Amino acid sequence: MDWEKTSIRVTMANDKNYEKGYIVRTFNNIVPNPTQEQINLLGEALELISKGDKFQKAEVVLHNKYITQ
């Protein structure tokens, strides 16, 4: 299998802005293997540019390509 891309799904919580109390945003084509520090920095940055959202969790998704011969 060959690495194709990495995505990250970030969950941000805010009872005032979202009907469900949270929103999940997906970012594509991030670095292949993000570190915990990089993920935390992304969460902090998203908090700074939001309207009171709080970073809850992140899910890193690796997209691999498998081609049969």
PDB file of N, CA and C in Angstrom:
ATOM      1  N   MET A   1       0.834  -1.176   0.000  1.00  0.00           N
ATOM      2  CA  MET A   1       0.000   0.000   0.000  1.00  0.00           C
ATOM      3  C   MET A   1       0.880   1.242   0.000  1.00  0.00           C
ATOM      4  N   ASP A   2       0.428   2.226  -0.685  1.00  0.00           N
ATOM      5  CA  ASP A   2       1.145   3.493  -0.781  1.00  0.00           C
ATOM      6  C   ASP A   2       0.337   4.593  -0.107  1.00  0.00           C
ATOM      7  N   TRP A   3       1.033   5.428   0.671  1.00  0.00           N
ATOM      8  CA  TRP A   3       0.375   6.564   1.310  1.00  0.00           C
ATOM      9  C   TRP A   3      -0.123   7.511   0.238  1.00  0.00           C
ATOM     10  N   GLU A   4      -1.363   7.945   0.381  1.00  0.00           N
ATOM     11  CA  GLU A   4      -1.947   8.878  -0.561  1.00  0.00           C
ATOM     12  C   GLU A   4      -2.114  10.269   0.062  1.00  0.00           C
ATOM     13  N   LYS A   5      -2.715  10.316   1.262  1.00  0.00           N
ATOM     14  CA  LYS A   5      -2.872  11.583   1.974  1.00  0.00           C
ATOM     15  C   LYS A   5      -3.277  11.291   3.416  1.00  0.00           C
ATOM     16  N   THR A   6      -3.212  12.321   4.241  1.00  0.00           N
ATOM     17  CA  THR A   6      -3.669  12.235   5.622  1.00  0.00           C
ATOM     18  C   THR A   6      -4.667  13.362   5.851  1.00  0.00           C
ATOM     19  N   SER A   7      -5.752  13.026   6.521  1.00  0.00           N
ATOM     20  CA  SER A   7      -6.773  14.010   6.881  1.00  0.00           C
ATOM     21  C   SER A   7      -6.895  14.038   8.397  1.00  0.00           C
ATOM     22  N   ILE A   8      -7.484  15.099   8.901  1.00  0.00           N
ATOM     23  CA  ILE A   8      -7.744  15.187  10.334  1.00  0.00           C
ATOM     24  C   ILE A   8      -9.167  15.714  10.509  1.00  0.00           C
ATOM     25  N   ARG A   9      -9.922  15.037  11.378  1.00  0.00           N
ATOM     26  CA  ARG A   9     -11.289  15.446  11.720  1.00  0.00           C
ATOM     27  C   ARG A   9     -11.240  16.030  13.128  1.00  0.00           C
ATOM     28  N   VAL A  10     -11.544  17.310  13.228  1.00  0.00           N
ATOM     29  CA  VAL A  10     -11.445  18.025  14.494  1.00  0.00           C
ATOM     30  C   VAL A  10     -12.853  18.313  15.013  1.00  0.00           C
ATOM     31  N   THR A  11     -13.106  17.935  16.266  1.00  0.00           N
ATOM     32  CA  THR A  11     -14.392  18.203  16.906  1.00  0.00           C
ATOM     33  C   THR A  11     -14.244  19.412  17.818  1.00  0.00           C
ATOM     34  N   MET A  12     -15.095  20.417  17.557  1.00  0.00           N
ATOM     35  CA  MET A  12     -15.110  21.644  18.347  1.00  0.00           C
ATOM     36  C   MET A  12     -16.476  21.747  19.025  1.00  0.00           C
ATOM     37  N   ALA A  13     -16.480  22.042  20.339  1.00  0.00           N
ATOM     38  CA  ALA A  13     -17.725  22.119  21.097  1.00  0.00           C
ATOM     39  C   ALA A  13     -18.106  23.564  21.374  1.00  0.00           C
ATOM     40  N   ASN A  14     -19.423  23.825  21.264  1.00  0.00           N
ATOM     41  CA  ASN A  14     -19.956  25.138  21.603  1.00  0.00           C
ATOM     42  C   ASN A  14     -21.481  25.028  21.598  1.00  0.00           C
ATOM     43  N   ASP A  15     -22.071  24.972  22.778  1.00  0.00           N
ATOM     44  CA  ASP A  15     -23.529  24.831  22.895  1.00  0.00           C
ATOM     45  C   ASP A  15     -24.291  26.009  22.298  1.00  0.00           C
ATOM     46  N   LYS A  16     -23.672  27.183  22.276  1.00  0.00           N
ATOM     47  CA  LYS A  16     -24.353  28.385  21.798  1.00  0.00           C
ATOM     48  C   LYS A  16     -24.413  28.469  20.277  1.00  0.00           C
ATOM     49  N   ASN A  17     -23.428  27.893  19.594  1.00  0.00           N
ATOM     50  CA  ASN A  17     -23.351  28.057  18.132  1.00  0.00           C
ATOM     51  C   ASN A  17     -23.861  26.876  17.314  1.00  0.00           C
ATOM     52  N   TYR A  18     -23.957  25.693  17.927  1.00  0.00           N
ATOM     53  CA  TYR A  18     -24.301  24.507  17.143  1.00  0.00           C
ATOM     54  C   TYR A  18     -25.457  23.752  17.780  1.00  0.00           C
ATOM     55  N   GLU A  19     -26.390  23.333  16.959  1.00  0.00           N
ATOM     56  CA  GLU A  19     -27.580  22.629  17.430  1.00  0.00           C
ATOM     57  C   GLU A  19     -27.229  21.392  18.264  1.00  0.00           C
ATOM     58  N   LYS A  20     -26.242  20.631  17.810  1.00  0.00           N
ATOM     59  CA  LYS A  20     -25.823  19.425  18.522  1.00  0.00           C
ATOM     60  C   LYS A  20     -24.842  19.731  19.654  1.00  0.00           C
ATOM     61  N   GLY A  21     -24.379  20.964  19.740  1.00  0.00           N
ATOM     62  CA  GLY A  21     -23.414  21.346  20.760  1.00  0.00           C
ATOM     63  C   GLY A  21     -21.968  21.195  20.314  1.00  0.00           C
ATOM     64  N   TYR A  22     -21.787  20.719  19.096  1.00  0.00           N
ATOM     65  CA  TYR A  22     -20.438  20.541  18.564  1.00  0.00           C
ATOM     66  C   TYR A  22     -20.486  20.559  17.039  1.00  0.00           C
ATOM     67  N   ILE A  23     -19.317  20.715  16.449  1.00  0.00           N
ATOM     68  CA  ILE A  23     -19.179  20.633  14.996  1.00  0.00           C
ATOM     69  C   ILE A  23     -17.892  19.871  14.685  1.00  0.00           C
ATOM     70  N   VAL A  24     -17.910  19.107  13.609  1.00  0.00           N
ATOM     71  CA  VAL A  24     -16.730  18.362  13.171  1.00  0.00           C
ATOM     72  C   VAL A  24     -16.274  18.956  11.852  1.00  0.00           C
ATOM     73  N   ARG A  25     -15.026  19.366  11.813  1.00  0.00           N
ATOM     74  CA  ARG A  25     -14.449  19.939  10.589  1.00  0.00           C
ATOM     75  C   ARG A  25     -13.323  19.028  10.118  1.00  0.00           C
ATOM     76  N   THR A  26     -13.244  18.847   8.818  1.00  0.00           N
ATOM     77  CA  THR A  26     -12.214  17.991   8.230  1.00  0.00           C
ATOM     78  C   THR A  26     -11.217  18.844   7.467  1.00  0.00           C
ATOM     79  N   PHE A  27      -9.942  18.559   7.699  1.00  0.00           N
ATOM     80  CA  PHE A  27      -8.854  19.216   6.987  1.00  0.00           C
ATOM     81  C   PHE A  27      -8.089  18.130   6.239  1.00  0.00           C
ATOM     82  N   ASN A  28      -7.886  18.335   4.947  1.00  0.00           N
ATOM     83  CA  ASN A  28      -7.224  17.344   4.101  1.00  0.00           C
ATOM     84  C   ASN A  28      -5.786  17.733   3.793  1.00  0.00           C
ATOM     85  N   ASN A  29      -5.033  16.734   3.380  1.00  0.00           N
ATOM     86  CA  ASN A  29      -3.655  16.926   2.925  1.00  0.00           C
ATOM     87  C   ASN A  29      -2.762  17.555   3.990  1.00  0.00           C
ATOM     88  N   ILE A  30      -2.861  17.041   5.207  1.00  0.00           N
ATOM     89  CA  ILE A  30      -1.967  17.484   6.267  1.00  0.00           C
ATOM     90  C   ILE A  30      -0.696  16.638   6.214  1.00  0.00           C
ATOM     91  N   VAL A  31       0.246  16.890   7.109  1.00  0.00           N
ATOM     92  CA  VAL A  31       1.490  16.116   7.125  1.00  0.00           C
ATOM     93  C   VAL A  31       1.176  14.638   7.336  1.00  0.00           C
ATOM     94  N   PRO A  32       2.004  13.730   6.811  1.00  0.00           N
ATOM     95  CA  PRO A  32       1.708  12.295   6.892  1.00  0.00           C
ATOM     96  C   PRO A  32       1.482  11.759   8.315  1.00  0.00           C
ATOM     97  N   ASN A  33       2.300  12.151   9.256  1.00  0.00           N
ATOM     98  CA  ASN A  33       2.196  11.640  10.625  1.00  0.00           C
ATOM     99  C   ASN A  33       2.255  12.797  11.621  1.00  0.00           C
ATOM    100  N   PRO A  34       1.118  13.482  11.857  1.00  0.00           N
ATOM    101  CA  PRO A  34       1.141  14.625  12.765  1.00  0.00           C
ATOM    102  C   PRO A  34       1.446  14.192  14.200  1.00  0.00           C
ATOM    103  N   THR A  35       2.192  15.013  14.908  1.00  0.00           N
ATOM    104  CA  THR A  35       2.519  14.722  16.302  1.00  0.00           C
ATOM    105  C   THR A  35       1.402  15.246  17.206  1.00  0.00           C
ATOM    106  N   GLN A  36       1.403  14.804  18.449  1.00  0.00           N
ATOM    107  CA  GLN A  36       0.426  15.291  19.428  1.00  0.00           C
ATOM    108  C   GLN A  36       0.541  16.805  19.588  1.00  0.00           C
ATOM    109  N   GLU A  37       1.769  17.303  19.586  1.00  0.00           N
ATOM    110  CA  GLU A  37       1.981  18.745  19.717  1.00  0.00           C
ATOM    111  C   GLU A  37       1.360  19.505  18.542  1.00  0.00           C
ATOM    112  N   GLN A  38       1.539  19.010  17.319  1.00  0.00           N
ATOM    113  CA  GLN A  38       0.960  19.662  16.144  1.00  0.00           C
ATOM    114  C   GLN A  38      -0.567  19.656  16.211  1.00  0.00           C
ATOM    115  N   ILE A  39      -1.136  18.558  16.666  1.00  0.00           N
ATOM    116  CA  ILE A  39      -2.592  18.465  16.778  1.00  0.00           C
ATOM    117  C   ILE A  39      -3.101  19.452  17.828  1.00  0.00           C
ATOM    118  N   ASN A  40      -2.425  19.529  18.962  1.00  0.00           N
ATOM    119  CA  ASN A  40      -2.821  20.485  20.005  1.00  0.00           C
ATOM    120  C   ASN A  40      -2.712  21.925  19.531  1.00  0.00           C
ATOM    121  N   LEU A  41      -1.653  22.230  18.776  1.00  0.00           N
ATOM    122  CA  LEU A  41      -1.494  23.588  18.236  1.00  0.00           C
ATOM    123  C   LEU A  41      -2.610  23.933  17.254  1.00  0.00           C
ATOM    124  N   LEU A  42      -3.013  22.968  16.441  1.00  0.00           N
ATOM    125  CA  LEU A  42      -4.131  23.190  15.524  1.00  0.00           C
ATOM    126  C   LEU A  42      -5.399  23.484  16.314  1.00  0.00           C
ATOM    127  N   GLY A  43      -5.656  22.692  17.351  1.00  0.00           N
ATOM    128  CA  GLY A  43      -6.829  22.919  18.186  1.00  0.00           C
ATOM    129  C   GLY A  43      -6.823  24.291  18.826  1.00  0.00           C
ATOM    130  N   GLU A  44      -5.671  24.712  19.325  1.00  0.00           N
ATOM    131  CA  GLU A  44      -5.544  26.043  19.936  1.00  0.00           C
ATOM    132  C   GLU A  44      -5.787  27.145  18.911  1.00  0.00           C
ATOM    133  N   ALA A  45      -5.252  26.963  17.710  1.00  0.00           N
ATOM    134  CA  ALA A  45      -5.441  27.964  16.659  1.00  0.00           C
ATOM    135  C   ALA A  45      -6.914  28.075  16.280  1.00  0.00           C
ATOM    136  N   LEU A  46      -7.594  26.941  16.173  1.00  0.00           N
ATOM    137  CA  LEU A  46      -9.015  26.966  15.821  1.00  0.00           C
ATOM    138  C   LEU A  46      -9.842  27.636  16.922  1.00  0.00           C
ATOM    139  N   GLU A  47      -9.464  27.430  18.176  1.00  0.00           N
ATOM    140  CA  GLU A  47     -10.153  28.117  19.271  1.00  0.00           C
ATOM    141  C   GLU A  47      -9.994  29.631  19.149  1.00  0.00           C
ATOM    142  N   LEU A  48      -8.795  30.076  18.775  1.00  0.00           N
ATOM    143  CA  LEU A  48      -8.528  31.514  18.670  1.00  0.00           C
ATOM    144  C   LEU A  48      -9.362  32.198  17.585  1.00  0.00           C
ATOM    145  N   ILE A  49      -9.629  31.489  16.505  1.00  0.00           N
ATOM    146  CA  ILE A  49     -10.342  32.120  15.385  1.00  0.00           C
ATOM    147  C   ILE A  49     -11.840  31.797  15.378  1.00  0.00           C
ATOM    148  N   SER A  50     -12.324  31.146  16.415  1.00  0.00           N
ATOM    149  CA  SER A  50     -13.743  30.796  16.477  1.00  0.00           C
ATOM    150  C   SER A  50     -14.499  31.752  17.399  1.00  0.00           C
ATOM    151  N   LYS A  51     -15.792  31.523  17.496  1.00  0.00           N
ATOM    152  CA  LYS A  51     -16.650  32.317  18.380  1.00  0.00           C
ATOM    153  C   LYS A  51     -16.904  31.550  19.671  1.00  0.00           C
ATOM    154  N   GLY A  52     -15.832  31.233  20.404  1.00  0.00           N
ATOM    155  CA  GLY A  52     -15.975  30.560  21.687  1.00  0.00           C
ATOM    156  C   GLY A  52     -15.943  29.039  21.633  1.00  0.00           C
ATOM    157  N   ASP A  53     -15.592  28.462  20.483  1.00  0.00           N
ATOM    158  CA  ASP A  53     -15.494  27.003  20.378  1.00  0.00           C
ATOM    159  C   ASP A  53     -14.348  26.479  21.231  1.00  0.00           C
ATOM    160  N   LYS A  54     -14.505  25.262  21.736  1.00  0.00           N
ATOM    161  CA  LYS A  54     -13.456  24.594  22.505  1.00  0.00           C
ATOM    162  C   LYS A  54     -13.061  23.306  21.788  1.00  0.00           C
ATOM    163  N   PHE A  55     -11.773  23.130  21.618  1.00  0.00           N
ATOM    164  CA  PHE A  55     -11.237  21.929  20.982  1.00  0.00           C
ATOM    165  C   PHE A  55     -11.513  20.726  21.878  1.00  0.00           C
ATOM    166  N   GLN A  56     -12.180  19.694  21.322  1.00  0.00           N
ATOM    167  CA  GLN A  56     -12.502  18.496  22.100  1.00  0.00           C
ATOM    168  C   GLN A  56     -11.624  17.317  21.739  1.00  0.00           C
ATOM    169  N   LYS A  57     -11.560  17.010  20.441  1.00  0.00           N
ATOM    170  CA  LYS A  57     -10.784  15.851  20.023  1.00  0.00           C
ATOM    171  C   LYS A  57     -10.439  15.955  18.552  1.00  0.00           C
ATOM    172  N   ALA A  58      -9.512  15.101  18.141  1.00  0.00           N
ATOM    173  CA  ALA A  58      -9.110  15.029  16.730  1.00  0.00           C
ATOM    174  C   ALA A  58      -8.952  13.566  16.342  1.00  0.00           C
ATOM    175  N   GLU A  59      -9.313  13.277  15.129  1.00  0.00           N
ATOM    176  CA  GLU A  59      -9.175  11.931  14.581  1.00  0.00           C
ATOM    177  C   GLU A  59      -8.310  12.033  13.323  1.00  0.00           C
ATOM    178  N   VAL A  60      -7.180  11.364  13.330  1.00  0.00           N
ATOM    179  CA  VAL A  60      -6.271  11.379  12.187  1.00  0.00           C
ATOM    180  C   VAL A  60      -6.633  10.199  11.296  1.00  0.00           C
ATOM    181  N   VAL A  61      -6.834  10.470  10.006  1.00  0.00           N
ATOM    182  CA  VAL A  61      -7.244   9.441   9.051  1.00  0.00           C
ATOM    183  C   VAL A  61      -6.181   9.337   7.962  1.00  0.00           C
ATOM    184  N   LEU A  62      -5.570   8.161   7.853  1.00  0.00           N
ATOM    185  CA  LEU A  62      -4.597   7.910   6.789  1.00  0.00           C
ATOM    186  C   LEU A  62      -5.314   7.308   5.589  1.00  0.00           C
ATOM    187  N   HIS A  63      -5.040   7.842   4.426  1.00  0.00           N
ATOM    188  CA  HIS A  63      -5.615   7.330   3.184  1.00  0.00           C
ATOM    189  C   HIS A  63      -4.480   6.638   2.424  1.00  0.00           C
ATOM    190  N   ASN A  64      -4.599   5.330   2.303  1.00  0.00           N
ATOM    191  CA  ASN A  64      -3.596   4.557   1.583  1.00  0.00           C
ATOM    192  C   ASN A  64      -4.194   3.998   0.308  1.00  0.00           C
ATOM    193  N   LYS A  65      -3.367   3.866  -0.681  1.00  0.00           N
ATOM    194  CA  LYS A  65      -3.793   3.389  -1.985  1.00  0.00           C
ATOM    195  C   LYS A  65      -3.312   1.950  -2.137  1.00  0.00           C
ATOM    196  N   TYR A  66      -4.211   1.049  -2.516  1.00  0.00           N
ATOM    197  CA  TYR A  66      -3.855  -0.338  -2.756  1.00  0.00           C
ATOM    198  C   TYR A  66      -4.267  -0.687  -4.179  1.00  0.00           C
ATOM    199  N   ILE A  67      -3.286  -1.047  -4.972  1.00  0.00           N
ATOM    200  CA  ILE A  67      -3.556  -1.375  -6.379  1.00  0.00           C
ATOM    201  C   ILE A  67      -3.217  -2.833  -6.605  1.00  0.00           C
ATOM    202  N   THR A  68      -4.186  -3.573  -7.130  1.00  0.00           N
ATOM    203  CA  THR A  68      -3.932  -4.991  -7.413  1.00  0.00           C
ATOM    204  C   THR A  68      -3.223  -5.117  -8.746  1.00  0.00           C
ATOM    205  N   GLN A  69      -2.436  -6.125  -8.850  1.00  0.00           N
ATOM    206  CA  GLN A  69      -1.683  -6.358 -10.085  1.00  0.00           C
ATOM    207  C   GLN A  69      -2.416  -7.304 -11.000  1.00  0.00           C
TER     208      GLN A  69
END
